[in-house]
Amino acid sequence: MENYDPKDSTLIASMAADPTVHSAASNFFDKACSYRYSYNFSWMGRPIIQFPQDMMAMQEIIWQVKPDLIVETGIAHGGSLIFYASMLELVGDDGFVLGIDIDIRQHNKEAIEKHPMSKRIRMIQGSSIDNGIAERVYEVAADKKRVLVVLDSNHTHEHVLQELKLYSGLVTKNSYLVVFDTVIEDMPADSFPDRPWGKGDNPKTAVWEFLEGSERFEIDAEIHNKLAITVAPDGYLRCIKD
C-alpha cells in the first residue's frame, strides 16, 4: 500500500479539457492576483510568495526525486528556500538548497541564517546568468547524483532562456527543471505595467524556445493539469535523458 496513488489520470485530463473549469480557474487567478493573493502565505515563519497549489506540486516532486541538491534562482524573503529545505529534512538524507539572487537583502539574509532550516541552505549573491556564478554552482553540484533546478528570478524571456541554457545541464534524469511564472503569457496584457516582462516576453516563451532545441526535457502536463490553478503552466519540465 506504500506506493498507492489515488489520482485518476483520465479524470485529470478530462478536467484540463473542460472549458468551464479552465475559465473558472483563469478568472480566479486573474482576480486573486489583483489582491496580491500569493503574498498571503508563509512557510515556517517566512513569506513564501507562491500559490499553495504549486507548493503542493513541489513537495510531491521533492519526495519523488529525493534530490541531494536543489538549485533555486531568486530568493526574495527566503520562504521557498526554507520550504525546500524542510522537505529535504523530511526526506532525511544530506540534501541541501542553493539559492542565488542578484540582491540578497541583509534583513532577509539574517532571517534565513537564523532559521532552524538554515543548516540545509546555502546562498550565493550575484546574477544567475553571470558565467562566474554559474561556474560556482556547477562546482557545488559536481558530486551530486540527483539535482533539481527551480528558476524564479527575473522573468524576461532572454533572462530565463539564459538560465535554462546555463542550468539545465545540472538536472539529472527523472528529476525536474521547474520554471515559475510562465502564467504571465496567459494573463491580461496590462498585468505588469511596471515590469520589463509581459505577453510575448516571459518565462513561458523562454521555455517554448528552449524546448525546441532540447531533447532532454518534456513538459509534465499532468502536473499543471491536476493543479488547475498554477503560476507554472508548461513550467514543470521533466528530464528524460542523461
C-alpha atoms as a PDB file:
ATOM      1  CA  MET A   1       0.000   0.000   0.000  1.00  0.00           C
ATOM      2  CA  GLU A   2       3.017   2.334   0.355  1.00  0.00           C
ATOM      3  CA  ASN A   3       3.014   3.259  -3.355  1.00  0.00           C
ATOM      4  CA  TYR A   4      -0.770   3.557  -3.647  1.00  0.00           C
ATOM      5  CA  ASP A   5      -1.690   6.538  -5.805  1.00  0.00           C
ATOM      6  CA  PRO A   6      -5.389   7.507  -5.791  1.00  0.00           C
ATOM      7  CA  LYS A   7      -5.227  10.042  -8.608  1.00  0.00           C
ATOM      8  CA  ASP A   8      -7.020   9.241 -11.859  1.00  0.00           C
ATOM      9  CA  SER A   9      -5.044  10.421 -14.906  1.00  0.00           C
ATOM     10  CA  THR A  10      -8.094  10.125 -17.146  1.00  0.00           C
ATOM     11  CA  LEU A  11     -10.118  12.420 -14.897  1.00  0.00           C
ATOM     12  CA  ILE A  12      -7.206  14.856 -14.685  1.00  0.00           C
ATOM     13  CA  ALA A  13      -7.037  15.047 -18.484  1.00  0.00           C
ATOM     14  CA  SER A  14     -10.812  15.477 -18.703  1.00  0.00           C
ATOM     15  CA  MET A  15     -10.745  18.259 -16.126  1.00  0.00           C
ATOM     16  CA  ALA A  16      -7.968  20.036 -18.030  1.00  0.00           C
ATOM     17  CA  ALA A  17     -10.056  19.848 -21.217  1.00  0.00           C
ATOM     18  CA  ASP A  18     -13.214  21.161 -19.518  1.00  0.00           C
ATOM     19  CA  PRO A  19     -13.689  24.792 -20.640  1.00  0.00           C
ATOM     20  CA  THR A  20     -15.804  25.563 -17.561  1.00  0.00           C
ATOM     21  CA  VAL A  21     -13.011  24.530 -15.196  1.00  0.00           C
ATOM     22  CA  HIS A  22     -10.431  26.351 -17.290  1.00  0.00           C
ATOM     23  CA  SER A  23     -12.481  29.553 -17.330  1.00  0.00           C
ATOM     24  CA  ALA A  24     -13.194  29.394 -13.597  1.00  0.00           C
ATOM     25  CA  ALA A  25      -9.526  28.788 -12.781  1.00  0.00           C
ATOM     26  CA  SER A  26      -8.399  31.603 -15.065  1.00  0.00           C
ATOM     27  CA  ASN A  27     -10.943  34.028 -13.655  1.00  0.00           C
ATOM     28  CA  PHE A  28      -9.967  33.152 -10.092  1.00  0.00           C
ATOM     29  CA  PHE A  29      -6.271  33.520 -10.855  1.00  0.00           C
ATOM     30  CA  ASP A  30      -6.574  36.910 -12.521  1.00  0.00           C
ATOM     31  CA  LYS A  31      -8.913  38.285  -9.840  1.00  0.00           C
ATOM     32  CA  ALA A  32      -6.889  36.860  -6.933  1.00  0.00           C
ATOM     33  CA  CYS A  33      -3.704  38.385  -8.349  1.00  0.00           C
ATOM     34  CA  SER A  34      -5.324  41.818  -8.161  1.00  0.00           C
ATOM     35  CA  TYR A  35      -5.455  41.245  -4.386  1.00  0.00           C
ATOM     36  CA  ARG A  36      -1.818  40.036  -4.219  1.00  0.00           C
ATOM     37  CA  TYR A  37      -3.052  36.554  -3.302  1.00  0.00           C
ATOM     38  CA  SER A  38       0.397  34.935  -3.354  1.00  0.00           C
ATOM     39  CA  TYR A  39       1.569  37.342  -0.624  1.00  0.00           C
ATOM     40  CA  ASN A  40      -0.923  35.853   1.857  1.00  0.00           C
ATOM     41  CA  PHE A  41       1.193  32.850   2.788  1.00  0.00           C
ATOM     42  CA  SER A  42       4.311  31.941   4.728  1.00  0.00           C
ATOM     43  CA  TRP A  43       6.254  28.760   5.388  1.00  0.00           C
ATOM     44  CA  MET A  44       7.712  28.180   8.844  1.00  0.00           C
ATOM     45  CA  GLY A  45       7.599  31.903   9.536  1.00  0.00           C
ATOM     46  CA  ARG A  46       8.979  33.299   6.266  1.00  0.00           C
ATOM     47  CA  PRO A  47       6.907  34.860   3.440  1.00  0.00           C
ATOM     48  CA  ILE A  48       6.853  32.403   0.554  1.00  0.00           C
ATOM     49  CA  ILE A  49       5.083  34.452  -2.177  1.00  0.00           C
ATOM     50  CA  GLN A  50       3.837  31.379  -4.020  1.00  0.00           C
ATOM     51  CA  PHE A  51       0.483  29.827  -4.796  1.00  0.00           C
ATOM     52  CA  PRO A  52      -0.168  26.952  -2.349  1.00  0.00           C
ATOM     53  CA  GLN A  53      -1.106  24.686  -5.246  1.00  0.00           C
ATOM     54  CA  ASP A  54       2.403  24.930  -6.688  1.00  0.00           C
ATOM     55  CA  MET A  55       3.992  24.196  -3.329  1.00  0.00           C
ATOM     56  CA  MET A  56       1.907  21.036  -3.150  1.00  0.00           C
ATOM     57  CA  ALA A  57       3.342  20.025  -6.524  1.00  0.00           C
ATOM     58  CA  MET A  58       6.871  20.865  -5.392  1.00  0.00           C
ATOM     59  CA  GLN A  59       6.649  18.678  -2.292  1.00  0.00           C
ATOM     60  CA  GLU A  60       5.446  15.790  -4.466  1.00  0.00           C
ATOM     61  CA  ILE A  61       8.403  16.284  -6.801  1.00  0.00           C
ATOM     62  CA  ILE A  62      10.910  16.517  -3.948  1.00  0.00           C
ATOM     63  CA  TRP A  63       9.570  13.377  -2.272  1.00  0.00           C
ATOM     64  CA  GLN A  64       9.658  11.522  -5.598  1.00  0.00           C
ATOM     65  CA  VAL A  65      13.115  12.666  -6.723  1.00  0.00           C
ATOM     66  CA  LYS A  66      14.775  12.920  -3.289  1.00  0.00           C
ATOM     67  CA  PRO A  67      17.368  15.368  -4.637  1.00  0.00           C
ATOM     68  CA  ASP A  68      20.673  15.826  -2.871  1.00  0.00           C
ATOM     69  CA  LEU A  69      20.789  19.354  -4.303  1.00  0.00           C
ATOM     70  CA  ILE A  70      18.066  21.866  -5.166  1.00  0.00           C
ATOM     71  CA  VAL A  71      19.238  24.981  -7.016  1.00  0.00           C
ATOM     72  CA  GLU A  72      16.863  27.952  -6.934  1.00  0.00           C
ATOM     73  CA  THR A  73      17.353  31.274  -8.691  1.00  0.00           C
ATOM     74  CA  GLY A  74      15.546  34.085  -6.893  1.00  0.00           C
ATOM     75  CA  ILE A  75      15.473  34.240  -3.083  1.00  0.00           C
ATOM     76  CA  ALA A  76      13.320  37.251  -2.047  1.00  0.00           C
ATOM     77  CA  HIS A  77      12.297  36.653   1.585  1.00  0.00           C
ATOM     78  CA  GLY A  78      13.579  33.080   1.566  1.00  0.00           C
ATOM     79  CA  GLY A  79      10.273  31.289   2.106  1.00  0.00           C
ATOM     80  CA  SER A  80      10.707  28.890  -0.775  1.00  0.00           C
ATOM     81  CA  LEU A  81      14.312  28.133   0.244  1.00  0.00           C
ATOM     82  CA  ILE A  82      13.037  27.202   3.678  1.00  0.00           C
ATOM     83  CA  PHE A  83      10.159  25.199   2.200  1.00  0.00           C
ATOM     84  CA  TYR A  84      12.534  23.130   0.055  1.00  0.00           C
ATOM     85  CA  ALA A  85      14.980  22.728   2.951  1.00  0.00           C
ATOM     86  CA  SER A  86      12.188  21.474   5.205  1.00  0.00           C
ATOM     87  CA  MET A  87      11.140  18.941   2.597  1.00  0.00           C
ATOM     88  CA  LEU A  88      14.745  17.733   2.359  1.00  0.00           C
ATOM     89  CA  GLU A  89      14.805  17.473   6.155  1.00  0.00           C
ATOM     90  CA  LEU A  90      11.820  15.119   5.909  1.00  0.00           C
ATOM     91  CA  VAL A  91      13.499  13.108   3.159  1.00  0.00           C
ATOM     92  CA  GLY A  92      16.268  12.619   5.677  1.00  0.00           C
ATOM     93  CA  ASP A  93      19.410  12.410   3.567  1.00  0.00           C
ATOM     94  CA  ASP A  94      22.109  15.085   3.263  1.00  0.00           C
ATOM     95  CA  GLY A  95      20.395  17.202   0.594  1.00  0.00           C
ATOM     96  CA  PHE A  96      20.532  20.985   0.703  1.00  0.00           C
ATOM     97  CA  VAL A  97      19.285  24.027  -1.197  1.00  0.00           C
ATOM     98  CA  LEU A  98      21.490  26.524  -3.011  1.00  0.00           C
ATOM     99  CA  GLY A  99      19.799  29.888  -3.539  1.00  0.00           C
ATOM    100  CA  ILE A 100      21.053  32.533  -5.980  1.00  0.00           C
ATOM    101  CA  ASP A 101      19.945  36.156  -6.069  1.00  0.00           C
ATOM    102  CA  ILE A 102      21.428  39.310  -7.527  1.00  0.00           C
ATOM    103  CA  ASP A 103      20.474  41.219  -4.357  1.00  0.00           C
ATOM    104  CA  ILE A 104      20.059  39.325  -1.082  1.00  0.00           C
ATOM    105  CA  ARG A 105      18.688  41.947   1.275  1.00  0.00           C
ATOM    106  CA  GLN A 106      20.553  41.937   4.576  1.00  0.00           C
ATOM    107  CA  HIS A 107      17.429  41.546   6.733  1.00  0.00           C
ATOM    108  CA  ASN A 108      16.310  38.578   4.635  1.00  0.00           C
ATOM    109  CA  LYS A 109      19.777  37.024   4.748  1.00  0.00           C
ATOM    110  CA  GLU A 110      19.896  37.333   8.521  1.00  0.00           C
ATOM    111  CA  ALA A 111      16.405  35.843   8.943  1.00  0.00           C
ATOM    112  CA  ILE A 112      17.281  32.888   6.712  1.00  0.00           C
ATOM    113  CA  GLU A 113      20.569  32.267   8.502  1.00  0.00           C
ATOM    114  CA  LYS A 114      18.810  32.288  11.906  1.00  0.00           C
ATOM    115  CA  HIS A 115      16.113  29.864  10.771  1.00  0.00           C
ATOM    116  CA  PRO A 116      16.155  26.230  12.002  1.00  0.00           C
ATOM    117  CA  MET A 117      16.320  25.065   8.374  1.00  0.00           C
ATOM    118  CA  SER A 118      19.435  27.149   7.628  1.00  0.00           C
ATOM    119  CA  LYS A 119      21.573  24.041   8.103  1.00  0.00           C
ATOM    120  CA  ARG A 120      20.276  22.889   4.701  1.00  0.00           C
ATOM    121  CA  ILE A 121      20.596  26.246   2.929  1.00  0.00           C
ATOM    122  CA  ARG A 122      23.472  27.948   1.138  1.00  0.00           C
ATOM    123  CA  MET A 123      23.269  31.248  -0.716  1.00  0.00           C
ATOM    124  CA  ILE A 124      25.221  32.996  -3.463  1.00  0.00           C
ATOM    125  CA  GLN A 125      24.756  36.681  -4.240  1.00  0.00           C
ATOM    126  CA  GLY A 126      25.125  37.584  -7.895  1.00  0.00           C
ATOM    127  CA  SER A 127      23.341  37.421 -11.225  1.00  0.00           C
ATOM    128  CA  SER A 128      22.165  33.922 -12.066  1.00  0.00           C
ATOM    129  CA  ILE A 129      23.182  34.483 -15.697  1.00  0.00           C
ATOM    130  CA  ASP A 130      26.727  35.515 -14.845  1.00  0.00           C
ATOM    131  CA  ASN A 131      29.091  32.799 -16.073  1.00  0.00           C
ATOM    132  CA  GLY A 132      31.196  33.101 -12.933  1.00  0.00           C
ATOM    133  CA  ILE A 133      28.165  32.480 -10.725  1.00  0.00           C
ATOM    134  CA  ALA A 134      27.154  29.511 -12.875  1.00  0.00           C
ATOM    135  CA  GLU A 135      30.653  28.055 -12.524  1.00  0.00           C
ATOM    136  CA  ARG A 136      30.359  28.269  -8.741  1.00  0.00           C
ATOM    137  CA  VAL A 137      27.019  26.471  -8.864  1.00  0.00           C
ATOM    138  CA  TYR A 138      28.468  23.703 -11.022  1.00  0.00           C
ATOM    139  CA  GLU A 139      31.329  23.302  -8.535  1.00  0.00           C
ATOM    140  CA  VAL A 140      28.819  22.803  -5.733  1.00  0.00           C
ATOM    141  CA  ALA A 141      26.883  20.292  -7.851  1.00  0.00           C
ATOM    142  CA  ALA A 142      29.922  18.352  -9.050  1.00  0.00           C
ATOM    143  CA  ASP A 143      29.451  15.325  -6.770  1.00  0.00           C
ATOM    144  CA  LYS A 144      25.645  15.359  -6.612  1.00  0.00           C
ATOM    145  CA  LYS A 145      23.634  12.454  -8.031  1.00  0.00           C
ATOM    146  CA  ARG A 146      20.109  13.902  -8.062  1.00  0.00           C
ATOM    147  CA  VAL A 147      19.744  17.599  -8.852  1.00  0.00           C
ATOM    148  CA  LEU A 148      16.529  19.633  -9.090  1.00  0.00           C
ATOM    149  CA  VAL A 149      16.566  23.179 -10.517  1.00  0.00           C
ATOM    150  CA  VAL A 150      13.955  25.897  -9.908  1.00  0.00           C
ATOM    151  CA  LEU A 151      14.010  29.176 -11.867  1.00  0.00           C
ATOM    152  CA  ASP A 152      12.201  32.104 -10.251  1.00  0.00           C
ATOM    153  CA  SER A 153      14.191  35.311 -10.673  1.00  0.00           C
ATOM    154  CA  ASN A 154      13.991  37.892 -13.481  1.00  0.00           C
ATOM    155  CA  HIS A 155      11.020  36.872 -15.670  1.00  0.00           C
ATOM    156  CA  THR A 156      12.042  38.280 -19.064  1.00  0.00           C
ATOM    157  CA  HIS A 157      12.362  35.886 -21.998  1.00  0.00           C
ATOM    158  CA  GLU A 158      16.082  36.456 -22.509  1.00  0.00           C
ATOM    159  CA  HIS A 159      16.966  36.126 -18.836  1.00  0.00           C
ATOM    160  CA  VAL A 160      15.022  32.895 -18.333  1.00  0.00           C
ATOM    161  CA  LEU A 161      16.281  31.459 -21.612  1.00  0.00           C
ATOM    162  CA  GLN A 162      19.849  32.104 -20.495  1.00  0.00           C
ATOM    163  CA  GLU A 163      19.127  30.460 -17.130  1.00  0.00           C
ATOM    164  CA  LEU A 164      17.667  27.456 -18.929  1.00  0.00           C
ATOM    165  CA  LYS A 165      20.776  27.129 -21.053  1.00  0.00           C
ATOM    166  CA  LEU A 166      23.122  27.560 -18.085  1.00  0.00           C
ATOM    167  CA  TYR A 167      21.448  25.335 -15.512  1.00  0.00           C
ATOM    168  CA  SER A 168      19.551  22.661 -17.442  1.00  0.00           C
ATOM    169  CA  GLY A 169      22.780  20.681 -17.639  1.00  0.00           C
ATOM    170  CA  LEU A 170      22.690  20.232 -13.871  1.00  0.00           C
ATOM    171  CA  VAL A 171      19.358  18.436 -13.873  1.00  0.00           C
ATOM    172  CA  THR A 172      19.632  14.674 -13.598  1.00  0.00           C
ATOM    173  CA  LYS A 173      17.452  12.120 -15.367  1.00  0.00           C
ATOM    174  CA  ASN A 174      13.999  11.697 -13.781  1.00  0.00           C
ATOM    175  CA  SER A 175      14.384  14.980 -11.896  1.00  0.00           C
ATOM    176  CA  TYR A 176      12.808  18.307 -12.825  1.00  0.00           C
ATOM    177  CA  LEU A 177      13.605  21.761 -14.140  1.00  0.00           C
ATOM    178  CA  VAL A 178      10.795  23.950 -12.812  1.00  0.00           C
ATOM    179  CA  VAL A 179      10.174  27.381 -14.331  1.00  0.00           C
ATOM    180  CA  PHE A 180       7.837  29.586 -12.318  1.00  0.00           C
ATOM    181  CA  ASP A 181       5.627  32.428 -13.572  1.00  0.00           C
ATOM    182  CA  THR A 182       5.091  31.015 -17.045  1.00  0.00           C
ATOM    183  CA  VAL A 183       1.486  32.090 -16.411  1.00  0.00           C
ATOM    184  CA  ILE A 184       2.492  35.644 -17.395  1.00  0.00           C
ATOM    185  CA  GLU A 185       1.887  34.638 -21.018  1.00  0.00           C
ATOM    186  CA  ASP A 186      -1.746  33.783 -20.190  1.00  0.00           C
ATOM    187  CA  MET A 187      -2.581  36.877 -18.163  1.00  0.00           C
ATOM    188  CA  PRO A 188      -4.135  40.135 -19.422  1.00  0.00           C
ATOM    189  CA  ALA A 189      -1.675  42.237 -21.421  1.00  0.00           C
ATOM    190  CA  ASP A 190      -1.794  45.107 -18.917  1.00  0.00           C
ATOM    191  CA  SER A 191      -0.983  42.966 -15.878  1.00  0.00           C
ATOM    192  CA  PHE A 192       2.619  44.169 -15.476  1.00  0.00           C
ATOM    193  CA  PRO A 193       2.776  47.867 -16.432  1.00  0.00           C
ATOM    194  CA  ASP A 194       5.848  48.498 -14.246  1.00  0.00           C
ATOM    195  CA  ARG A 195       7.810  45.366 -15.212  1.00  0.00           C
ATOM    196  CA  PRO A 196      10.011  44.550 -18.211  1.00  0.00           C
ATOM    197  CA  TRP A 197       8.090  41.325 -18.923  1.00  0.00           C
ATOM    198  CA  GLY A 198       4.635  40.589 -20.295  1.00  0.00           C
ATOM    199  CA  LYS A 199       2.874  38.758 -23.107  1.00  0.00           C
ATOM    200  CA  GLY A 200       5.382  37.505 -25.662  1.00  0.00           C
ATOM    201  CA  ASP A 201       8.325  38.162 -23.336  1.00  0.00           C
ATOM    202  CA  ASN A 202       8.222  35.923 -20.281  1.00  0.00           C
ATOM    203  CA  PRO A 203       9.251  32.545 -18.831  1.00  0.00           C
ATOM    204  CA  LYS A 204       6.769  30.552 -20.919  1.00  0.00           C
ATOM    205  CA  THR A 205       8.057  31.936 -24.222  1.00  0.00           C
ATOM    206  CA  ALA A 206      11.571  31.106 -22.990  1.00  0.00           C
ATOM    207  CA  VAL A 207      10.512  27.538 -22.157  1.00  0.00           C
ATOM    208  CA  TRP A 208       8.989  27.082 -25.600  1.00  0.00           C
ATOM    209  CA  GLU A 209      12.159  28.274 -27.325  1.00  0.00           C
ATOM    210  CA  PHE A 210      14.364  26.181 -25.045  1.00  0.00           C
ATOM    211  CA  LEU A 211      12.392  23.004 -25.713  1.00  0.00           C
ATOM    212  CA  GLU A 212      12.758  23.456 -29.468  1.00  0.00           C
ATOM    213  CA  GLY A 213      16.478  22.800 -29.058  1.00  0.00           C
ATOM    214  CA  SER A 214      16.437  20.246 -26.242  1.00  0.00           C
ATOM    215  CA  GLU A 215      15.723  16.521 -26.299  1.00  0.00           C
ATOM    216  CA  ARG A 216      16.401  16.058 -22.584  1.00  0.00           C
ATOM    217  CA  PHE A 217      13.217  17.641 -21.277  1.00  0.00           C
ATOM    218  CA  GLU A 218       9.486  17.360 -21.746  1.00  0.00           C
ATOM    219  CA  ILE A 219       6.584  19.246 -20.206  1.00  0.00           C
ATOM    220  CA  ASP A 220       4.937  17.177 -17.481  1.00  0.00           C
ATOM    221  CA  ALA A 221       1.459  18.386 -18.363  1.00  0.00           C
ATOM    222  CA  GLU A 222      -0.254  16.233 -15.757  1.00  0.00           C
ATOM    223  CA  ILE A 223       1.200  18.408 -13.002  1.00  0.00           C
ATOM    224  CA  HIS A 224      -0.261  21.709 -14.171  1.00  0.00           C
ATOM    225  CA  ASN A 225      -3.435  19.923 -15.327  1.00  0.00           C
ATOM    226  CA  LYS A 226      -4.154  18.456 -11.903  1.00  0.00           C
ATOM    227  CA  LEU A 227      -3.375  21.733 -10.122  1.00  0.00           C
ATOM    228  CA  ALA A 228      -5.789  23.690 -12.362  1.00  0.00           C
ATOM    229  CA  ILE A 229      -4.589  26.879 -10.628  1.00  0.00           C
ATOM    230  CA  THR A 230      -0.839  27.378 -11.022  1.00  0.00           C
ATOM    231  CA  VAL A 231       1.754  30.018 -11.794  1.00  0.00           C
ATOM    232  CA  ALA A 232       3.711  27.479 -13.845  1.00  0.00           C
ATOM    233  CA  PRO A 233       1.672  26.101 -16.774  1.00  0.00           C
ATOM    234  CA  ASP A 234       4.143  24.411 -19.151  1.00  0.00           C
ATOM    235  CA  GLY A 235       6.765  25.110 -16.493  1.00  0.00           C
ATOM    236  CA  TYR A 236       7.176  21.667 -14.938  1.00  0.00           C
ATOM    237  CA  LEU A 237       9.861  20.128 -17.136  1.00  0.00           C
ATOM    238  CA  ARG A 238      10.838  16.508 -16.536  1.00  0.00           C
ATOM    239  CA  CYS A 239      14.319  15.380 -17.502  1.00  0.00           C
ATOM    240  CA  ILE A 240      14.002  12.229 -19.622  1.00  0.00           C
ATOM    241  CA  LYS A 241      17.614  11.711 -20.730  1.00  0.00           C
ATOM    242  CA  ASP A 242      21.056  11.763 -19.148  1.00  0.00           C
END
